[in-house]
Amino acid sequence: MEIPQHSSDIIEVIQRLSHEIDGIGIQIVDIAENVAEVSGKVAEQANMLDEFRDRMNALSLSNQNIKSVVQVTLQATDKAVAETETSQKRLAQSVVNIQGLVSQVAEGRTLLDGFQKALDEVSKVVRTIDNIAKQTNLLALNASIIASKAGDAGKGFAVVAAEVKSLAQETTQSTERIEDSVAALRSQADLLRNQTETSAQCAQGVGSDAEAIGGVIETIGQMIREVGSEAARITGEADEINNHCDQLGGIIQSASQGVHASSNHLEGASANLKKLLSAGERLIAITINSPVATSNTPFVHQCLSIAQQINTIFASGAKEGAFQEKDFFLQDYASIPDSDPAQFATPYLSFTDQAIQPILDEALKFHENVVFCCILDRKGYLPTHNSKYSHSQGKDPVWNNANCRNRRFFNDRVGLAAANNTEPFLVQTYRRDMGGGKKVLMMDVSAPIMINGRHWGAVRLAFKPT
């Protein structure tokens, strides 16, 4: 297309328009990135609010469960208090009964003491009677002797003496039997007294134990009453927590709805900005396709030249059998162990590193604003990069992200758009993630790479806006 000689003003306008379009594209990228970042954060906040709301609901449910358990505890403590009070009353009555038993045993022991004393008196009387019987027997014996000496005159007296002697002997025998009985009664009384002593001691011990148990039951009852009091207080606190949860849940629900609405608006704004960004990029392409050179035109031409060189190398390599064409289209990616960020190997890496990397490194010399030049397939896999970005990985993922960019996937919007574009070239603007939160504003020109007429991917030339 020829430009009339008098149209220098038009050329200047187109150049200024191109410059302004570049500026607008850059500003849109900034705004789109910021909106996308804010949208992402708002979405995260919405999710956090949803999770917080769910946790609040779970807390409220747990609180209800606690309240239910406490109410059961209250019922149990009330029943336990009633049982302990009943047990205390029964135990107190038992203590009274035991104390009465101890008194009765003591009275029985006193009676036994009196009985033993009476037996002692009986023994004394028996011994006295026995002495009298012995003396009577002796007198009867003397009377019999005297009566025998008196002859017939003493016969009647002898009969009386014999009777007295017989009575004395019977008395002695009776006193002996009485003495045996008294001894047996005394033995039984002693045994009964010992048993009474033991019973009295046991009764006293039982009474002491019962009083101690009564004290323990009283303590237990007091503790149960305290538990009941605490349970009642917990119920009150649980009700208050429920009230706060309900209020806070309502606030969170309102906030969540508002944040979700804001997120939706931001997503809509982000989508519109992406459309505006695409429109701006199309305008840049239109200005580049015009017969008027713009600040971006040299970079586009350079990218097209690099793509032509690479396509020629691929055609020659395929013809000479330097690689298996199918390897480029199998999309067989083998994970490289212990790589961070993750790197992957393909069968054709040796060919692209040897044949393509020198061309990519030479592209960095084209202009001081050129940042990188690389190739990637339609999946966004980048097998070979500039030498300066193809270092071996170290232990620092942030450093790796900035300096080890080969063998990786860059399947973001810009990467996939470049890799799948079939137009002669594509111009895009974006922020390049360099790791560690650092991003650099870039303009990206890409052109398709073909292998024997099949679209494999693209070459990308990225530069800082002039």
Protein backbone atom coordinates (compact mmCIF):
# COMPACT_ATOMS: atom_id res chain seq x y z
CA MET A 1 0.00 0.00 0.00
CA GLU A 2 1.50 3.30 -1.09
CA ILE A 3 1.24 6.35 1.09
CA PRO A 4 0.73 9.74 -0.63
CA GLN A 5 3.54 12.19 -0.14
CA HIS A 6 1.22 14.70 1.50
CA SER A 7 0.10 12.20 4.18
CA SER A 8 2.97 12.72 6.61
CA ASP A 9 0.39 14.01 9.06
CA ILE A 10 -1.49 10.71 8.77
CA ILE A 11 1.74 8.80 9.41
CA GLU A 12 2.35 10.87 12.51
CA VAL A 13 -1.21 10.29 13.67
CA ILE A 14 -0.88 6.52 13.15
CA GLN A 15 2.41 6.47 15.03
CA ARG A 16 0.92 8.51 17.85
CA LEU A 17 -2.15 6.27 17.80
CA SER A 18 0.08 3.20 17.98
CA HIS A 19 1.98 4.70 20.88
CA GLU A 20 -1.24 5.55 22.68
CA ILE A 21 -2.64 2.08 21.98
CA ASP A 22 0.53 0.58 23.45
CA GLY A 23 0.09 2.77 26.51
CA ILE A 24 -3.58 1.85 26.80
CA GLY A 25 -2.71 -1.83 26.46
CA ILE A 26 -0.11 -1.51 29.22
CA GLN A 27 -2.54 0.32 31.47
CA ILE A 28 -5.23 -2.26 30.77
CA VAL A 29 -2.77 -5.01 31.68
CA ASP A 30 -2.00 -3.24 34.96
CA ILE A 31 -5.67 -2.74 35.69
CA ALA A 32 -6.60 -6.27 34.61
CA GLU A 33 -3.81 -7.78 36.72
CA ASN A 34 -4.83 -5.69 39.73
CA VAL A 35 -8.50 -6.49 39.25
CA ALA A 36 -7.68 -10.18 38.82
CA GLU A 37 -5.54 -10.09 41.95
CA VAL A 38 -8.23 -8.25 43.91
CA SER A 39 -10.85 -10.61 42.48
CA GLY A 40 -8.78 -13.58 43.61
CA LYS A 41 -8.34 -12.13 47.09
CA VAL A 42 -12.05 -11.28 47.33
CA ALA A 43 -12.89 -14.83 46.22
CA GLU A 44 -10.52 -16.15 48.89
CA GLN A 45 -12.16 -13.88 51.45
CA ALA A 46 -15.57 -15.10 50.33
CA ASN A 47 -14.42 -18.68 50.74
CA MET A 48 -12.93 -17.82 54.12
CA LEU A 49 -16.19 -16.20 55.19
CA ASP A 50 -18.09 -19.26 54.00
CA GLU A 51 -15.72 -21.49 55.93
CA PHE A 52 -15.98 -19.19 58.95
CA ARG A 53 -19.76 -19.32 58.70
CA ASP A 54 -19.63 -23.12 58.49
CA ARG A 55 -17.34 -23.20 61.51
CA MET A 56 -19.69 -20.89 63.37
CA ASN A 57 -22.56 -23.22 62.54
CA ALA A 58 -20.47 -26.17 63.70
CA LEU A 59 -19.61 -24.25 66.87
CA SER A 60 -23.27 -23.49 67.46
CA LEU A 61 -24.13 -27.16 66.93
CA SER A 62 -21.35 -28.23 69.30
CA ASN A 63 -22.59 -25.69 71.81
CA GLN A 64 -26.09 -27.14 71.52
CA ASN A 65 -24.65 -30.59 72.11
CA ILE A 66 -22.80 -29.30 75.17
CA LYS A 67 -26.00 -27.74 76.43
CA SER A 68 -27.87 -31.02 75.94
CA VAL A 69 -25.15 -32.93 77.78
CA VAL A 70 -25.15 -30.35 80.59
CA GLN A 71 -28.91 -30.59 80.88
CA VAL A 72 -28.63 -34.36 81.22
CA THR A 73 -25.91 -33.74 83.82
CA LEU A 74 -28.22 -31.38 85.68
CA GLN A 75 -30.94 -34.01 85.76
CA ALA A 76 -28.43 -36.60 86.94
CA THR A 77 -27.06 -34.28 89.64
CA ASP A 78 -30.55 -33.47 90.87
CA LYS A 79 -31.28 -37.18 91.12
CA ALA A 80 -27.90 -37.81 92.77
CA VAL A 81 -28.50 -35.04 95.31
CA ALA A 82 -31.90 -36.56 96.14
CA GLU A 83 -30.30 -39.99 96.50
CA THR A 84 -27.52 -38.69 98.75
CA GLU A 85 -30.03 -36.87 100.94
CA THR A 86 -32.07 -40.09 101.23
CA SER A 87 -28.89 -42.05 101.99
CA GLN A 88 -27.90 -39.50 104.61
CA LYS A 89 -31.28 -39.84 106.32
CA ARG A 90 -31.08 -43.63 106.25
CA LEU A 91 -27.52 -43.58 107.50
CA ALA A 92 -28.41 -41.12 110.26
CA GLN A 93 -31.24 -43.46 111.34
CA SER A 94 -28.80 -46.38 111.22
CA VAL A 95 -26.39 -44.46 113.42
CA VAL A 96 -29.22 -43.83 115.90
CA ASN A 97 -30.13 -47.51 115.84
CA ILE A 98 -26.49 -48.53 116.30
CA GLN A 99 -26.12 -46.08 119.15
CA GLY A 100 -29.27 -47.59 120.73
CA LEU A 101 -27.76 -51.04 120.27
CA VAL A 102 -24.53 -49.88 121.92
CA SER A 103 -26.61 -48.58 124.85
CA GLN A 104 -28.52 -51.84 125.11
CA VAL A 105 -25.28 -53.80 125.00
CA ALA A 106 -23.89 -51.58 127.73
CA GLU A 107 -27.04 -52.16 129.83
CA GLY A 108 -26.74 -55.91 129.20
CA ARG A 109 -23.14 -55.77 130.32
CA THR A 110 -24.24 -54.01 133.51
CA LEU A 111 -26.89 -56.68 134.12
CA LEU A 112 -24.32 -59.40 133.57
CA ASP A 113 -22.05 -57.70 136.07
CA GLY A 114 -24.94 -57.75 138.56
CA PHE A 115 -25.72 -61.37 137.71
CA GLN A 116 -22.09 -62.31 138.30
CA LYS A 117 -22.18 -60.51 141.63
CA ALA A 118 -25.37 -62.39 142.55
CA LEU A 119 -23.69 -65.66 141.62
CA ASP A 120 -20.78 -64.71 143.83
CA GLU A 121 -23.21 -64.11 146.71
CA VAL A 122 -24.87 -67.44 146.01
CA SER A 123 -21.46 -69.10 146.10
CA LYS A 124 -20.79 -67.48 149.42
CA VAL A 125 -24.11 -68.67 150.83
CA VAL A 126 -23.52 -72.15 149.44
CA ARG A 127 -20.12 -72.23 151.03
CA THR A 128 -21.66 -71.15 154.33
CA ILE A 129 -24.36 -73.83 154.09
CA ASP A 130 -21.70 -76.36 153.20
CA ASN A 131 -19.70 -75.37 156.28
CA ILE A 132 -22.80 -75.65 158.43
CA ALA A 133 -23.58 -79.05 156.92
CA LYS A 134 -20.05 -80.22 157.65
CA GLN A 135 -20.29 -78.98 161.22
CA THR A 136 -23.74 -80.56 161.55
CA ASN A 137 -22.41 -83.81 160.20
CA LEU A 138 -19.60 -83.61 162.73
CA LEU A 139 -22.05 -82.94 165.57
CA ALA A 140 -24.25 -85.82 164.39
CA LEU A 141 -21.19 -88.04 164.45
CA ASN A 142 -20.36 -86.98 168.00
CA ALA A 143 -23.99 -87.44 169.01
CA SER A 144 -23.97 -90.94 167.59
CA ILE A 145 -20.88 -91.78 169.59
CA ILE A 146 -22.36 -90.41 172.78
CA ALA A 147 -25.68 -92.17 172.10
CA SER A 148 -23.85 -95.49 171.66
CA LYS A 149 -22.19 -95.00 175.00
CA ALA A 150 -25.55 -94.29 176.70
CA GLY A 151 -26.93 -97.67 175.73
CA ASP A 152 -30.67 -98.05 175.58
CA ALA A 153 -31.19 -94.62 176.94
CA GLY A 154 -29.38 -93.16 174.03
CA LYS A 155 -31.09 -95.15 171.24
CA GLY A 156 -33.67 -92.46 170.48
CA PHE A 157 -30.98 -89.86 170.47
CA ALA A 158 -28.91 -92.05 168.13
CA VAL A 159 -31.78 -92.21 165.68
CA VAL A 160 -32.06 -88.44 165.68
CA ALA A 161 -28.31 -88.15 165.29
CA ALA A 162 -28.41 -90.51 162.29
CA GLU A 163 -31.16 -88.49 160.67
CA VAL A 164 -29.27 -85.28 161.24
CA LYS A 165 -26.16 -86.88 159.79
CA SER A 166 -28.11 -88.04 156.70
CA LEU A 167 -29.57 -84.54 156.30
CA ALA A 168 -26.13 -82.98 156.61
CA GLN A 169 -24.77 -85.31 153.94
CA GLU A 170 -27.67 -84.53 151.62
CA THR A 171 -27.08 -80.82 152.28
CA THR A 172 -23.43 -81.21 151.40
CA GLN A 173 -24.32 -83.01 148.19
CA SER A 174 -26.87 -80.30 147.34
CA THR A 175 -24.35 -77.53 148.00
CA GLU A 176 -21.89 -79.33 145.76
CA ARG A 177 -24.47 -79.49 142.98
CA ILE A 178 -25.36 -75.86 143.55
CA GLU A 179 -21.68 -74.96 143.45
CA ASP A 180 -21.30 -76.82 140.13
CA SER A 181 -24.32 -75.02 138.72
CA VAL A 182 -23.04 -71.67 139.94
CA ALA A 183 -19.63 -72.42 138.39
CA ALA A 184 -21.32 -73.31 135.09
CA LEU A 185 -23.46 -70.15 135.24
CA ARG A 186 -20.40 -68.08 136.03
CA SER A 187 -18.55 -69.61 133.02
CA GLN A 188 -21.52 -68.88 130.74
CA ALA A 189 -21.81 -65.39 132.19
CA ASP A 190 -18.10 -64.75 131.55
CA LEU A 191 -18.45 -66.00 127.95
CA LEU A 192 -21.58 -63.89 127.45
CA ARG A 193 -19.83 -60.89 128.95
CA ASN A 194 -16.83 -61.30 126.59
CA GLN A 195 -19.16 -61.63 123.62
CA THR A 196 -21.04 -58.58 124.83
CA GLU A 197 -17.76 -56.65 125.06
CA THR A 198 -16.85 -57.68 121.50
CA SER A 199 -20.32 -56.78 120.24
CA ALA A 200 -20.14 -53.45 122.00
CA GLN A 201 -16.75 -52.70 120.41
CA CYS A 202 -18.03 -53.75 116.96
CA ALA A 203 -21.15 -51.67 117.42
CA GLN A 204 -19.05 -48.69 118.43
CA GLY A 205 -16.79 -49.23 115.40
CA VAL A 206 -19.79 -49.55 113.08
CA GLY A 207 -21.22 -46.39 114.58
CA SER A 208 -17.94 -44.54 113.98
CA ASP A 209 -17.73 -45.88 110.42
CA ALA A 210 -21.34 -44.94 109.80
CA GLU A 211 -20.67 -41.42 111.04
CA ALA A 212 -17.57 -41.23 108.81
CA ILE A 213 -19.58 -42.52 105.83
CA GLY A 214 -22.22 -39.95 106.65
CA GLY A 215 -19.53 -37.26 106.46
CA VAL A 216 -18.29 -38.62 103.13
CA ILE A 217 -21.83 -38.72 101.75
CA GLU A 218 -22.34 -35.16 102.91
CA THR A 219 -19.13 -34.15 101.11
CA ILE A 220 -20.20 -36.03 97.98
CA GLY A 221 -23.60 -34.39 98.14
CA GLN A 222 -21.98 -30.98 98.43
CA MET A 223 -19.72 -31.72 95.47
CA ILE A 224 -22.68 -32.93 93.42
CA ARG A 225 -24.55 -29.75 94.30
CA GLU A 226 -21.51 -27.73 93.18
CA VAL A 227 -21.41 -29.72 89.92
CA GLY A 228 -25.08 -28.97 89.45
CA SER A 229 -24.43 -25.29 90.09
CA GLU A 230 -21.58 -25.25 87.56
CA ALA A 231 -23.69 -27.18 85.05
CA ALA A 232 -26.45 -24.62 85.44
CA ARG A 233 -23.91 -21.84 84.90
CA ILE A 234 -22.56 -23.63 81.80
CA THR A 235 -26.09 -23.84 80.45
CA GLY A 236 -26.44 -20.10 80.88
CA GLU A 237 -23.09 -19.49 79.20
CA ALA A 238 -24.07 -21.86 76.37
CA ASP A 239 -27.27 -19.88 75.83
CA GLU A 240 -25.27 -16.66 75.70
CA ILE A 241 -22.77 -18.22 73.26
CA ASN A 242 -25.66 -19.35 71.08
CA ASN A 243 -27.04 -15.82 71.06
CA HIS A 244 -23.63 -14.43 70.06
CA CYS A 245 -23.23 -17.15 67.42
CA ASP A 246 -26.64 -16.32 65.98
CA GLN A 247 -25.82 -12.61 65.86
CA LEU A 248 -22.33 -13.17 64.45
CA GLY A 249 -23.68 -15.75 62.01
CA GLY A 250 -26.12 -13.18 60.66
CA ILE A 251 -23.34 -10.63 60.29
CA ILE A 252 -21.10 -13.17 58.56
CA GLN A 253 -23.93 -14.22 56.30
CA SER A 254 -24.53 -10.61 55.26
CA ALA A 255 -20.79 -10.02 54.81
CA SER A 256 -20.44 -13.25 52.83
CA GLN A 257 -23.29 -12.27 50.52
CA GLY A 258 -21.73 -8.85 50.03
CA VAL A 259 -18.28 -10.30 49.35
CA HIS A 260 -19.74 -12.86 46.93
CA ALA A 261 -21.58 -10.07 45.15
CA SER A 262 -18.35 -8.03 44.99
CA SER A 263 -16.50 -11.10 43.71
CA ASN A 264 -19.08 -11.58 40.99
CA HIS A 265 -18.82 -7.92 40.01
CA LEU A 266 -15.03 -8.14 39.97
CA GLU A 267 -15.16 -11.28 37.85
CA GLY A 268 -17.41 -9.47 35.43
CA ALA A 269 -15.10 -6.48 35.41
CA SER A 270 -12.11 -8.77 34.91
CA ALA A 271 -13.83 -10.49 31.99
CA ASN A 272 -14.64 -7.12 30.42
CA LEU A 273 -11.05 -5.97 30.93
CA LYS A 274 -9.80 -9.13 29.23
CA LYS A 275 -12.05 -8.36 26.28
CA LEU A 276 -10.80 -4.77 26.28
CA LEU A 277 -7.22 -6.06 26.49
CA SER A 278 -7.83 -8.35 23.50
CA ALA A 279 -9.33 -5.43 21.61
CA GLY A 280 -6.28 -3.33 22.44
CA GLU A 281 -3.98 -6.12 21.27
CA ARG A 282 -5.94 -6.36 18.02
CA LEU A 283 -5.54 -2.62 17.56
CA ILE A 284 -1.79 -3.01 18.06
CA ALA A 285 -1.79 -5.73 15.39
CA ILE A 286 -3.76 -3.44 13.06
CA THR A 287 -1.24 -0.62 13.49
CA ILE A 288 1.62 -3.03 12.91
CA ASN A 289 -0.01 -4.32 9.74
CA SER A 290 -0.36 -0.76 8.50
CA PRO A 291 2.31 0.62 6.15
CA VAL A 292 3.39 2.99 8.91
CA ALA A 293 6.14 1.65 11.18
CA THR A 294 5.47 1.84 14.90
CA SER A 295 7.67 1.23 17.93
CA ASN A 296 6.49 -2.40 17.97
CA THR A 297 7.02 -3.10 14.28
CA PRO A 298 10.75 -4.04 14.53
CA PHE A 299 10.04 -6.60 17.24
CA VAL A 300 7.26 -8.17 15.19
CA HIS A 301 9.50 -8.43 12.14
CA GLN A 302 12.28 -9.91 14.26
CA CYS A 303 9.90 -12.52 15.71
CA LEU A 304 8.70 -13.46 12.20
CA SER A 305 12.31 -13.79 11.08
CA ILE A 306 13.16 -16.07 14.04
CA ALA A 307 10.09 -18.19 13.36
CA GLN A 308 11.18 -18.57 9.72
CA GLN A 309 14.66 -19.69 10.81
CA ILE A 310 13.26 -22.22 13.24
CA ASN A 311 10.76 -23.57 10.70
CA THR A 312 13.64 -24.00 8.23
CA ILE A 313 15.73 -25.87 10.82
CA PHE A 314 12.80 -28.16 11.66
CA ALA A 315 12.22 -28.87 7.95
CA SER A 316 15.89 -29.72 7.45
CA GLY A 317 16.05 -31.82 10.61
CA ALA A 318 12.97 -33.80 9.63
CA LYS A 319 14.39 -34.39 6.13
CA GLU A 320 17.77 -35.47 7.47
CA GLY A 321 16.26 -37.69 10.17
CA ALA A 322 17.78 -35.65 13.01
CA PHE A 323 14.67 -36.37 15.08
CA GLN A 324 11.51 -38.42 15.04
CA GLU A 325 8.67 -36.14 14.04
CA LYS A 326 6.19 -38.15 16.10
CA ASP A 327 8.18 -37.33 19.26
CA PHE A 328 7.17 -33.68 18.92
CA PHE A 329 3.47 -34.53 18.76
CA LEU A 330 3.24 -37.37 21.30
CA GLN A 331 3.21 -34.82 24.12
CA ASP A 332 5.00 -37.34 26.32
CA TYR A 333 6.28 -35.43 29.36
CA ALA A 334 8.42 -37.26 31.95
CA SER A 335 8.62 -35.59 35.34
CA ILE A 336 12.18 -34.66 36.41
CA PRO A 337 12.66 -35.83 40.04
CA ASP A 338 13.16 -33.31 42.85
CA SER A 339 12.52 -30.30 40.60
CA ASP A 340 10.87 -27.23 42.11
CA PRO A 341 9.21 -25.67 40.16
CA ALA A 342 8.37 -28.92 38.39
CA GLN A 343 10.34 -29.65 35.21
CA PHE A 344 9.66 -32.31 32.56
CA ALA A 345 11.73 -34.08 29.91
CA THR A 346 10.77 -34.99 26.31
CA PRO A 347 12.55 -37.15 23.71
CA TYR A 348 13.48 -34.20 21.49
CA LEU A 349 15.25 -31.98 24.06
CA SER A 350 18.73 -32.67 22.75
CA PHE A 351 17.73 -31.52 19.26
CA THR A 352 16.03 -28.27 20.37
CA ASP A 353 18.85 -27.45 22.81
CA GLN A 354 21.54 -27.90 20.15
CA ALA A 355 19.74 -26.56 17.07
CA ILE A 356 17.30 -23.95 18.43
CA GLN A 357 18.92 -22.47 21.55
CA PRO A 358 21.67 -20.60 19.59
CA ILE A 359 18.97 -18.83 17.58
CA LEU A 360 17.10 -17.93 20.79
CA ASP A 361 20.27 -16.58 22.42
CA GLU A 362 21.07 -14.52 19.28
CA ALA A 363 17.61 -12.92 19.55
CA LEU A 364 18.59 -11.31 22.86
CA LYS A 365 21.11 -9.15 20.99
CA PHE A 366 18.47 -7.66 18.72
CA HIS A 367 17.44 -4.89 21.12
CA GLU A 368 18.28 -3.95 24.67
CA ASN A 369 14.59 -4.17 25.61
CA VAL A 370 14.35 -7.84 24.60
CA VAL A 371 13.97 -9.93 27.79
CA PHE A 372 13.69 -13.47 26.45
CA CYS A 373 13.01 -15.61 23.41
CA CYS A 374 11.72 -19.19 23.67
CA ILE A 375 9.69 -21.89 21.97
CA LEU A 376 6.72 -23.82 23.37
CA ASP A 377 4.24 -26.41 22.19
CA ARG A 378 0.45 -26.10 22.11
CA LYS A 379 0.16 -27.41 25.69
CA GLY A 380 2.31 -24.53 26.93
CA TYR A 381 5.35 -26.80 27.46
CA LEU A 382 8.61 -24.90 27.04
CA PRO A 383 11.42 -27.36 26.17
CA THR A 384 14.23 -24.92 25.32
CA HIS A 385 14.84 -21.40 26.58
CA ASN A 386 17.65 -18.85 26.46
CA SER A 387 20.86 -20.06 28.05
CA LYS A 388 20.58 -17.41 30.77
CA TYR A 389 17.25 -18.90 31.87
CA SER A 390 18.33 -22.54 31.57
CA HIS A 391 20.47 -23.05 34.67
CA SER A 392 20.43 -26.22 36.73
CA GLN A 393 18.05 -25.95 39.65
CA GLY A 394 19.26 -25.29 43.18
CA LYS A 395 17.60 -25.57 46.57
CA ASP A 396 15.81 -22.19 46.42
CA PRO A 397 12.47 -22.45 44.52
CA VAL A 398 12.30 -18.67 44.14
CA TRP A 399 15.71 -18.55 42.45
CA ASN A 400 14.78 -21.60 40.39
CA ASN A 401 11.59 -19.92 39.19
CA ALA A 402 13.53 -16.94 37.82
CA ASN A 403 16.60 -18.72 36.46
CA CYS A 404 15.48 -22.25 35.51
CA ARG A 405 12.56 -21.63 33.17
CA ASN A 406 13.19 -24.36 30.58
CA ARG A 407 11.52 -27.80 30.73
CA ARG A 408 8.46 -26.21 32.32
CA PHE A 409 4.81 -25.53 31.52
CA PHE A 410 3.63 -21.96 30.98
CA ASN A 411 -0.01 -22.65 30.28
CA ASP A 412 -1.33 -19.27 31.40
CA ARG A 413 -3.53 -17.09 29.18
CA VAL A 414 -0.62 -15.53 27.28
CA GLY A 415 1.33 -18.77 26.90
CA LEU A 416 -1.58 -20.82 25.57
CA ALA A 417 -2.78 -18.02 23.30
CA ALA A 418 0.69 -17.71 21.78
CA ALA A 419 1.14 -21.48 21.42
CA ASN A 420 -2.22 -22.04 19.73
CA ASN A 421 -2.26 -18.96 17.50
CA THR A 422 -2.19 -19.75 13.76
CA GLU A 423 -2.21 -16.16 12.51
CA PRO A 424 1.11 -14.81 11.18
CA PHE A 425 1.78 -13.17 14.55
CA LEU A 426 0.12 -12.28 17.84
CA VAL A 427 0.92 -9.33 20.12
CA GLN A 428 0.02 -9.55 23.81
CA THR A 429 0.73 -7.56 26.95
CA TYR A 430 1.08 -9.13 30.39
CA ARG A 431 3.01 -9.21 33.61
CA ARG A 432 5.71 -11.85 33.71
CA ASP A 433 5.93 -13.74 37.01
CA MET A 434 9.57 -13.83 38.08
CA GLY A 435 8.90 -15.55 41.42
CA GLY A 436 8.93 -14.19 44.95
CA GLY A 437 5.99 -11.92 44.14
CA LYS A 438 8.00 -10.01 41.53
CA LYS A 439 6.29 -9.33 38.20
CA VAL A 440 7.64 -7.48 35.17
CA LEU A 441 5.44 -5.78 32.55
CA MET A 442 6.02 -7.31 29.11
CA MET A 443 4.90 -7.13 25.51
CA ASP A 444 4.94 -10.51 23.84
CA VAL A 445 5.12 -11.19 20.10
CA SER A 446 4.64 -14.77 18.95
CA ALA A 447 4.61 -16.55 15.61
CA PRO A 448 3.60 -20.15 14.76
CA ILE A 449 6.16 -22.97 14.41
CA MET A 450 5.36 -25.64 11.84
CA ILE A 451 6.91 -29.10 11.39
CA ASN A 452 6.25 -30.45 7.90
CA GLY A 453 3.10 -28.37 7.69
CA ARG A 454 1.79 -29.40 11.12
CA HIS A 455 1.31 -26.72 13.75
CA TRP A 456 3.53 -27.64 16.69
CA GLY A 457 3.60 -24.46 18.75
CA ALA A 458 5.16 -21.00 18.66
CA VAL A 459 8.23 -18.87 19.15
CA ARG A 460 7.81 -16.07 21.68
CA LEU A 461 9.80 -12.82 21.76
CA ALA A 462 9.15 -10.76 24.89
CA PHE A 463 10.34 -7.19 25.36
CA LYS A 464 9.84 -4.26 27.66
CA PRO A 465 7.57 -1.58 26.19
CA THR A 466 9.51 1.32 24.72
